[in-house]
Amino acid sequence: MFDLYIYYQVRMEDAAALSSRVRAMQARLVVEHGVAGQLKRRPEAKDGLQTWMEIYPATLPGFDAVLEAAVAHAALAQLTAGKRHTEFFMDLPTCA
């Protein structure tokens, strides 16, 4: 399993509209795939841009493609400033 961390920038004037779209998309992902996402942002803005992060914990391989399709369906690119960056992380094994 992998945790997905996706970060991107948002123009401050688009923040409310994008928040609604992301939260609706995440609600569908819970129902359809059982993955509960989180939405976060940095506390400060710079040059009129906020940095946001979506977190999807404990996803199965291939969920990134599901998420990409959901992002396209929700038309998130219309309200983001630049590219979405995706990082994959996994748990470290526990020591014996």
Protein backbone atom coordinates (compact mmCIF):
# COMPACT_ATOMS: atom_id res chain seq x y z
CA MET A 1 0.00 0.00 0.00
CA PHE A 2 1.03 3.55 -0.68
CA ASP A 3 0.12 6.95 0.67
CA LEU A 4 -0.30 9.55 -2.07
CA TYR A 5 0.62 13.18 -1.46
CA ILE A 6 -0.41 15.61 -4.19
CA TYR A 7 0.54 19.25 -3.99
CA TYR A 8 -0.24 22.18 -6.26
CA GLN A 9 -0.87 25.90 -6.27
CA VAL A 10 -4.18 27.72 -6.30
CA ARG A 11 -4.94 31.35 -7.04
CA MET A 12 -6.56 32.88 -3.96
CA GLU A 13 -9.60 33.98 -5.98
CA ASP A 14 -10.19 30.36 -7.07
CA ALA A 15 -9.80 28.79 -3.61
CA ALA A 16 -13.49 28.58 -2.63
CA ALA A 17 -14.58 27.08 -5.96
CA LEU A 18 -11.71 24.60 -5.99
CA SER A 19 -12.37 23.55 -2.41
CA SER A 20 -15.95 22.63 -3.32
CA ARG A 21 -14.79 20.57 -6.31
CA VAL A 22 -12.05 18.75 -4.41
CA ARG A 23 -14.33 17.92 -1.47
CA ALA A 24 -17.04 16.59 -3.83
CA MET A 25 -14.44 14.49 -5.65
CA GLN A 26 -13.09 13.12 -2.38
CA ALA A 27 -16.61 12.23 -1.24
CA ARG A 28 -17.09 10.19 -4.44
CA LEU A 29 -13.74 8.46 -3.92
CA VAL A 30 -14.84 7.34 -0.45
CA VAL A 31 -18.08 5.88 -1.79
CA GLU A 32 -16.63 4.32 -4.94
CA HIS A 33 -13.17 3.20 -3.72
CA GLY A 34 -13.19 3.36 0.08
CA VAL A 35 -10.34 5.90 0.15
CA ALA A 36 -10.85 8.90 2.42
CA GLY A 37 -8.73 11.83 1.28
CA GLN A 38 -7.61 14.83 3.24
CA LEU A 39 -7.29 18.41 1.97
CA LYS A 40 -4.73 20.78 3.47
CA ARG A 41 -3.01 24.04 2.59
CA ARG A 42 -0.06 26.02 3.77
CA PRO A 43 -1.10 28.79 6.15
CA GLU A 44 0.55 31.55 4.11
CA ALA A 45 0.02 32.66 0.53
CA LYS A 46 2.76 34.02 -1.71
CA ASP A 47 2.20 36.24 -4.73
CA GLY A 48 -1.54 35.54 -4.60
CA LEU A 49 -1.04 31.76 -4.62
CA GLN A 50 -1.81 29.18 -1.95
CA THR A 51 -0.13 25.78 -1.85
CA TRP A 52 -2.58 22.92 -1.29
CA MET A 53 -2.07 19.25 -0.58
CA GLU A 54 -4.34 16.27 -0.98
CA ILE A 55 -3.43 13.16 1.00
CA TYR A 56 -4.77 9.68 0.25
CA PRO A 57 -3.55 7.15 2.84
CA ALA A 58 -3.22 3.40 2.39
CA THR A 59 -4.11 3.18 -1.30
CA LEU A 60 -3.72 0.10 -3.46
CA PRO A 61 -1.53 0.05 -6.57
CA GLY A 62 -3.37 1.71 -9.43
CA PHE A 63 -5.24 4.22 -7.29
CA ASP A 64 -3.20 7.01 -8.86
CA ALA A 65 -4.92 6.28 -12.21
CA VAL A 66 -8.32 6.31 -10.49
CA LEU A 67 -7.45 9.64 -8.90
CA GLU A 68 -6.24 11.08 -12.20
CA ALA A 69 -9.58 10.20 -13.83
CA ALA A 70 -11.47 11.73 -10.89
CA VAL A 71 -9.43 14.93 -11.16
CA ALA A 72 -10.23 15.18 -14.86
CA HIS A 73 -13.93 14.50 -14.22
CA ALA A 74 -14.01 17.23 -11.54
CA ALA A 75 -12.21 19.66 -13.91
CA LEU A 76 -9.73 20.66 -11.21
CA ALA A 77 -7.16 21.86 -13.75
CA GLN A 78 -9.41 24.83 -14.55
CA LEU A 79 -8.84 26.17 -11.05
CA THR A 80 -5.22 25.22 -10.31
CA ALA A 81 -2.19 27.32 -11.14
CA GLY A 82 0.23 24.92 -12.77
CA LYS A 83 0.82 21.23 -12.47
CA ARG A 84 -0.25 18.80 -9.75
CA HIS A 85 2.75 16.99 -8.26
CA THR A 86 2.23 13.46 -6.93
CA GLU A 87 4.52 11.74 -4.44
CA PHE A 88 4.21 8.12 -3.27
CA PHE A 89 5.25 7.05 0.22
CA MET A 90 5.11 3.68 1.96
CA ASP A 91 5.41 2.62 5.56
CA LEU A 92 8.77 1.43 6.77
CA PRO A 93 8.79 -2.09 8.13
CA THR A 94 8.83 -2.30 11.91
CA CYS A 95 11.98 -3.49 13.59
CA ALA A 96 11.90 -6.88 15.26
